[in-house]
């Protein structure tokens, strides 16, 4: 994942879903949500897309206006609904940086 900055739009976030070190096949996933917990502990939910195929376990989300609105430590977690399983992945810590301001 690229370095994230407050106000970034169009940054593609890639997440690989693995179990025991092996990519999970996401065939039949009906829900693929990215949960982002901001520095102030509010949580936003965004729908994710398959990166290329359902076999590689990779999901993506592209940031839009207003997503990255606070600098600091954030958490990311994915919620999935598959035919045989529903649940959350482990949390992943990430940092959203304050960009330089031109004066």
N, C-alpha and C. Protein backbone atom coordinates (compact mmCIF):
# COMPACT_ATOMS: atom_id res chain seq x y z
N UNK A 1 0.85 -1.17 0.00
CA UNK A 1 0.00 0.00 0.00
C UNK A 1 0.89 1.23 0.00
N UNK A 2 0.49 2.22 -0.74
CA UNK A 2 1.22 3.48 -0.80
C UNK A 2 1.10 4.22 0.53
N UNK A 3 2.01 5.16 0.75
CA UNK A 3 1.89 6.03 1.92
C UNK A 3 0.62 6.86 1.75
N UNK A 4 -0.13 7.00 2.82
CA UNK A 4 -1.40 7.71 2.78
C UNK A 4 -1.26 9.10 3.40
N UNK A 5 -1.94 10.08 2.80
CA UNK A 5 -1.90 11.46 3.30
C UNK A 5 -3.32 12.01 3.41
N UNK A 6 -3.53 12.90 4.37
CA UNK A 6 -4.82 13.56 4.50
C UNK A 6 -5.18 14.20 3.16
N UNK A 7 -6.41 13.96 2.72
CA UNK A 7 -6.91 14.55 1.48
C UNK A 7 -6.59 13.78 0.22
N UNK A 8 -5.81 12.69 0.30
CA UNK A 8 -5.50 11.91 -0.90
C UNK A 8 -6.78 11.33 -1.51
N UNK A 9 -6.88 11.44 -2.82
CA UNK A 9 -8.01 10.89 -3.57
C UNK A 9 -7.43 10.03 -4.69
N UNK A 10 -7.97 8.84 -4.88
CA UNK A 10 -7.50 7.96 -5.94
C UNK A 10 -6.36 7.04 -5.54
N UNK A 11 -6.00 7.01 -4.27
CA UNK A 11 -4.96 6.09 -3.81
C UNK A 11 -5.56 4.69 -3.71
N UNK A 12 -4.92 3.73 -4.36
CA UNK A 12 -5.42 2.36 -4.37
C UNK A 12 -4.81 1.60 -3.19
N UNK A 13 -5.68 1.04 -2.37
CA UNK A 13 -5.26 0.25 -1.22
C UNK A 13 -5.49 -1.22 -1.56
N UNK A 14 -4.44 -2.04 -1.45
CA UNK A 14 -4.52 -3.47 -1.72
C UNK A 14 -4.42 -4.24 -0.40
N UNK A 15 -5.27 -5.21 -0.24
CA UNK A 15 -5.24 -6.08 0.94
C UNK A 15 -5.29 -7.52 0.47
N UNK A 16 -4.36 -8.36 0.96
CA UNK A 16 -4.35 -9.78 0.63
C UNK A 16 -4.89 -10.56 1.82
N UNK A 17 -5.95 -11.32 1.59
CA UNK A 17 -6.57 -12.12 2.63
C UNK A 17 -5.89 -13.49 2.64
N UNK A 18 -5.28 -13.82 3.78
CA UNK A 18 -4.57 -15.10 3.89
C UNK A 18 -5.02 -15.84 5.15
N UNK A 19 -4.93 -17.15 5.05
CA UNK A 19 -5.14 -18.02 6.20
C UNK A 19 -3.99 -19.00 6.23
N UNK A 20 -3.28 -19.04 7.34
CA UNK A 20 -2.09 -19.89 7.49
C UNK A 20 -1.09 -19.62 6.37
N UNK A 21 -0.96 -18.36 5.97
CA UNK A 21 0.03 -17.96 4.97
C UNK A 21 -0.37 -18.20 3.53
N UNK A 22 -1.58 -18.71 3.31
CA UNK A 22 -2.05 -19.02 1.96
C UNK A 22 -3.21 -18.08 1.60
N UNK A 23 -3.17 -17.54 0.39
CA UNK A 23 -4.24 -16.65 -0.07
C UNK A 23 -5.58 -17.38 -0.06
N UNK A 24 -6.60 -16.71 0.46
CA UNK A 24 -7.93 -17.28 0.52
C UNK A 24 -8.65 -17.05 -0.81
N UNK A 25 -9.26 -18.09 -1.34
CA UNK A 25 -10.07 -17.93 -2.55
C UNK A 25 -11.38 -17.26 -2.15
N UNK A 26 -11.70 -16.17 -2.81
CA UNK A 26 -12.86 -15.37 -2.44
C UNK A 26 -14.07 -15.62 -3.32
N UNK A 27 -14.06 -16.77 -4.02
CA UNK A 27 -15.18 -17.12 -4.90
C UNK A 27 -16.47 -17.13 -4.10
N UNK A 28 -17.49 -16.46 -4.61
CA UNK A 28 -18.79 -16.46 -3.96
C UNK A 28 -18.96 -15.41 -2.88
N UNK A 29 -17.95 -14.56 -2.69
CA UNK A 29 -18.06 -13.50 -1.68
C UNK A 29 -19.19 -12.55 -2.06
N UNK A 30 -20.15 -12.40 -1.17
CA UNK A 30 -21.27 -11.51 -1.45
C UNK A 30 -21.09 -10.15 -0.79
N UNK A 31 -20.26 -10.10 0.26
CA UNK A 31 -19.95 -8.84 0.93
C UNK A 31 -18.43 -8.75 1.09
N UNK A 32 -17.87 -7.61 0.69
CA UNK A 32 -16.43 -7.36 0.81
C UNK A 32 -16.28 -5.91 1.27
N UNK A 33 -16.28 -5.70 2.57
CA UNK A 33 -16.26 -4.34 3.11
C UNK A 33 -14.94 -4.03 3.81
N UNK A 34 -14.44 -2.84 3.57
CA UNK A 34 -13.27 -2.33 4.27
C UNK A 34 -13.77 -1.43 5.39
N UNK A 35 -13.35 -1.73 6.61
CA UNK A 35 -13.67 -0.91 7.77
C UNK A 35 -12.42 -0.11 8.12
N UNK A 36 -12.55 1.19 8.15
CA UNK A 36 -11.43 2.06 8.48
C UNK A 36 -11.74 2.78 9.78
N UNK A 37 -10.92 2.53 10.80
CA UNK A 37 -11.06 3.20 12.09
C UNK A 37 -10.09 4.37 12.11
N UNK A 38 -10.64 5.57 12.16
CA UNK A 38 -9.83 6.78 12.13
C UNK A 38 -9.16 7.04 13.47
N UNK A 39 -8.30 8.01 13.50
CA UNK A 39 -7.58 8.38 14.72
C UNK A 39 -8.55 8.68 15.86
N UNK A 40 -9.69 9.33 15.55
CA UNK A 40 -10.66 9.68 16.61
C UNK A 40 -11.60 8.52 16.96
N UNK A 41 -11.31 7.32 16.42
CA UNK A 41 -12.03 6.07 16.69
C UNK A 41 -13.36 5.94 15.95
N UNK A 42 -13.73 6.91 15.10
CA UNK A 42 -14.91 6.70 14.26
C UNK A 42 -14.55 5.69 13.18
N UNK A 43 -15.54 4.94 12.74
CA UNK A 43 -15.32 3.88 11.75
C UNK A 43 -16.18 4.18 10.52
N UNK A 44 -15.54 4.10 9.34
CA UNK A 44 -16.27 4.21 8.08
C UNK A 44 -16.18 2.87 7.36
N UNK A 45 -17.20 2.57 6.58
CA UNK A 45 -17.27 1.31 5.84
C UNK A 45 -17.30 1.62 4.35
N UNK A 46 -16.45 0.93 3.59
CA UNK A 46 -16.38 1.12 2.15
C UNK A 46 -16.41 -0.24 1.46
N UNK A 47 -17.16 -0.34 0.36
CA UNK A 47 -17.21 -1.57 -0.43
C UNK A 47 -15.89 -1.75 -1.18
N UNK A 48 -15.43 -2.99 -1.24
CA UNK A 48 -14.17 -3.31 -1.91
C UNK A 48 -14.44 -4.05 -3.22
N UNK A 49 -13.40 -4.14 -4.04
CA UNK A 49 -13.49 -4.85 -5.32
C UNK A 49 -12.39 -5.92 -5.37
N UNK A 50 -12.59 -6.91 -6.25
CA UNK A 50 -11.54 -7.89 -6.49
C UNK A 50 -10.41 -7.20 -7.24
N UNK A 51 -9.17 -7.55 -6.91
CA UNK A 51 -8.02 -6.97 -7.59
C UNK A 51 -7.94 -7.48 -9.02
N UNK A 52 -7.91 -8.77 -9.19
CA UNK A 52 -7.84 -9.34 -10.54
C UNK A 52 -8.74 -10.56 -10.64
N UNK A 53 -8.51 -11.55 -9.80
CA UNK A 53 -9.34 -12.76 -9.80
C UNK A 53 -9.75 -13.07 -8.37
N UNK A 54 -10.70 -13.96 -8.23
CA UNK A 54 -11.12 -14.37 -6.89
C UNK A 54 -10.13 -15.35 -6.27
N UNK A 55 -9.17 -15.85 -7.07
CA UNK A 55 -8.22 -16.85 -6.58
C UNK A 55 -7.03 -16.28 -5.83
N UNK A 56 -6.69 -14.98 -6.06
CA UNK A 56 -5.46 -14.46 -5.48
C UNK A 56 -5.64 -13.88 -4.07
N UNK A 57 -6.88 -13.79 -3.59
CA UNK A 57 -7.14 -13.31 -2.24
C UNK A 57 -6.95 -11.81 -2.07
N UNK A 58 -6.80 -11.07 -3.17
CA UNK A 58 -6.52 -9.64 -3.07
C UNK A 58 -7.78 -8.82 -3.34
N UNK A 59 -8.04 -7.90 -2.41
CA UNK A 59 -9.13 -6.95 -2.56
C UNK A 59 -8.55 -5.55 -2.60
N UNK A 60 -9.25 -4.64 -3.28
CA UNK A 60 -8.76 -3.26 -3.39
C UNK A 60 -9.86 -2.27 -3.02
N UNK A 61 -9.41 -1.10 -2.63
CA UNK A 61 -10.29 0.04 -2.42
C UNK A 61 -9.53 1.28 -2.89
N UNK A 62 -10.23 2.15 -3.61
CA UNK A 62 -9.62 3.39 -4.09
C UNK A 62 -10.24 4.54 -3.30
N UNK A 63 -9.39 5.33 -2.65
CA UNK A 63 -9.88 6.40 -1.79
C UNK A 63 -10.63 7.46 -2.60
N UNK A 64 -11.65 8.03 -1.95
CA UNK A 64 -12.46 9.08 -2.56
C UNK A 64 -12.46 10.31 -1.64
N UNK A 65 -13.08 11.36 -2.09
CA UNK A 65 -13.15 12.60 -1.34
C UNK A 65 -13.68 12.37 0.07
N UNK A 66 -12.95 12.86 1.06
CA UNK A 66 -13.39 12.78 2.44
C UNK A 66 -12.98 11.54 3.19
N UNK A 67 -12.44 10.53 2.51
CA UNK A 67 -12.03 9.31 3.23
C UNK A 67 -10.91 9.57 4.22
N UNK A 68 -9.84 10.16 3.74
CA UNK A 68 -8.64 10.36 4.56
C UNK A 68 -8.65 11.79 5.09
N UNK A 69 -9.34 11.99 6.20
CA UNK A 69 -9.55 13.35 6.70
C UNK A 69 -8.87 13.64 8.03
N UNK A 70 -8.10 12.69 8.56
CA UNK A 70 -7.42 12.89 9.84
C UNK A 70 -6.03 12.28 9.78
N UNK A 71 -5.04 13.05 10.22
CA UNK A 71 -3.68 12.51 10.33
C UNK A 71 -3.58 11.68 11.60
N UNK A 72 -2.78 10.63 11.54
CA UNK A 72 -2.54 9.82 12.73
C UNK A 72 -2.63 8.34 12.46
N UNK A 73 -2.69 7.59 13.54
CA UNK A 73 -2.75 6.12 13.48
C UNK A 73 -4.19 5.67 13.23
N UNK A 74 -4.36 4.84 12.23
CA UNK A 74 -5.65 4.27 11.86
C UNK A 74 -5.56 2.75 11.94
N UNK A 75 -6.71 2.08 11.93
CA UNK A 75 -6.79 0.63 11.80
C UNK A 75 -7.66 0.30 10.59
N UNK A 76 -7.30 -0.77 9.91
CA UNK A 76 -8.09 -1.28 8.80
C UNK A 76 -8.46 -2.73 9.11
N UNK A 77 -9.68 -3.10 8.73
CA UNK A 77 -10.14 -4.47 8.91
C UNK A 77 -11.13 -4.76 7.79
N UNK A 78 -11.16 -5.99 7.33
CA UNK A 78 -12.08 -6.37 6.26
C UNK A 78 -13.15 -7.31 6.81
N UNK A 79 -14.38 -7.05 6.42
CA UNK A 79 -15.50 -7.93 6.75
C UNK A 79 -15.93 -8.63 5.46
N UNK A 80 -15.99 -9.95 5.53
CA UNK A 80 -16.34 -10.77 4.36
C UNK A 80 -17.54 -11.66 4.66
N UNK A 81 -18.33 -11.89 3.61
CA UNK A 81 -19.37 -12.91 3.68
C UNK A 81 -19.15 -13.84 2.49
N UNK A 82 -18.73 -15.07 2.81
CA UNK A 82 -18.51 -16.13 1.82
C UNK A 82 -19.59 -17.19 2.01
N UNK A 83 -19.76 -18.10 1.05
CA UNK A 83 -20.79 -19.13 1.21
C UNK A 83 -20.65 -19.95 2.50
N UNK A 84 -19.42 -20.20 2.92
CA UNK A 84 -19.21 -21.06 4.10
C UNK A 84 -18.68 -20.32 5.32
N UNK A 85 -18.54 -18.98 5.25
CA UNK A 85 -17.96 -18.24 6.37
C UNK A 85 -18.32 -16.77 6.29
N UNK A 86 -18.58 -16.18 7.45
CA UNK A 86 -18.79 -14.74 7.57
C UNK A 86 -17.95 -14.26 8.73
N UNK A 87 -17.24 -13.15 8.52
CA UNK A 87 -16.46 -12.65 9.64
C UNK A 87 -15.46 -11.58 9.24
N UNK A 88 -14.63 -11.24 10.21
CA UNK A 88 -13.64 -10.17 10.08
C UNK A 88 -12.22 -10.73 10.00
N UNK A 89 -11.38 -10.02 9.28
CA UNK A 89 -9.95 -10.34 9.27
C UNK A 89 -9.30 -9.73 10.51
N UNK A 90 -8.03 -9.97 10.67
CA UNK A 90 -7.27 -9.29 11.71
C UNK A 90 -7.18 -7.81 11.36
N UNK A 91 -6.99 -6.99 12.37
CA UNK A 91 -6.80 -5.56 12.13
C UNK A 91 -5.39 -5.32 11.62
N UNK A 92 -5.26 -4.32 10.78
CA UNK A 92 -3.95 -3.88 10.28
C UNK A 92 -3.80 -2.40 10.63
N UNK A 93 -2.70 -2.06 11.28
CA UNK A 93 -2.43 -0.67 11.63
C UNK A 93 -1.85 0.05 10.43
N UNK A 94 -2.22 1.32 10.30
CA UNK A 94 -1.68 2.14 9.22
C UNK A 94 -1.60 3.58 9.70
N UNK A 95 -0.81 4.36 9.01
CA UNK A 95 -0.64 5.75 9.37
C UNK A 95 -1.09 6.63 8.22
N UNK A 96 -1.86 7.66 8.54
CA UNK A 96 -2.23 8.68 7.56
C UNK A 96 -1.44 9.93 7.95
N UNK A 97 -0.63 10.41 7.02
CA UNK A 97 0.27 11.53 7.29
C UNK A 97 -0.34 12.86 6.87
N UNK A 98 0.07 13.91 7.56
CA UNK A 98 -0.32 15.26 7.20
C UNK A 98 0.61 15.71 6.07
N UNK A 99 0.09 16.15 4.93
CA UNK A 99 0.97 16.59 3.85
C UNK A 99 1.54 17.97 4.16
N UNK A 100 2.60 18.31 3.45
CA UNK A 100 3.18 19.65 3.57
C UNK A 100 2.19 20.66 3.01
N UNK A 101 2.18 21.84 3.58
CA UNK A 101 1.28 22.89 3.12
C UNK A 101 2.11 23.97 2.44
N UNK A 102 1.73 24.33 1.24
CA UNK A 102 2.43 25.37 0.50
C UNK A 102 1.90 26.73 0.98
N UNK A 103 2.82 27.62 1.32
CA UNK A 103 2.39 28.96 1.78
C UNK A 103 2.76 30.02 0.78
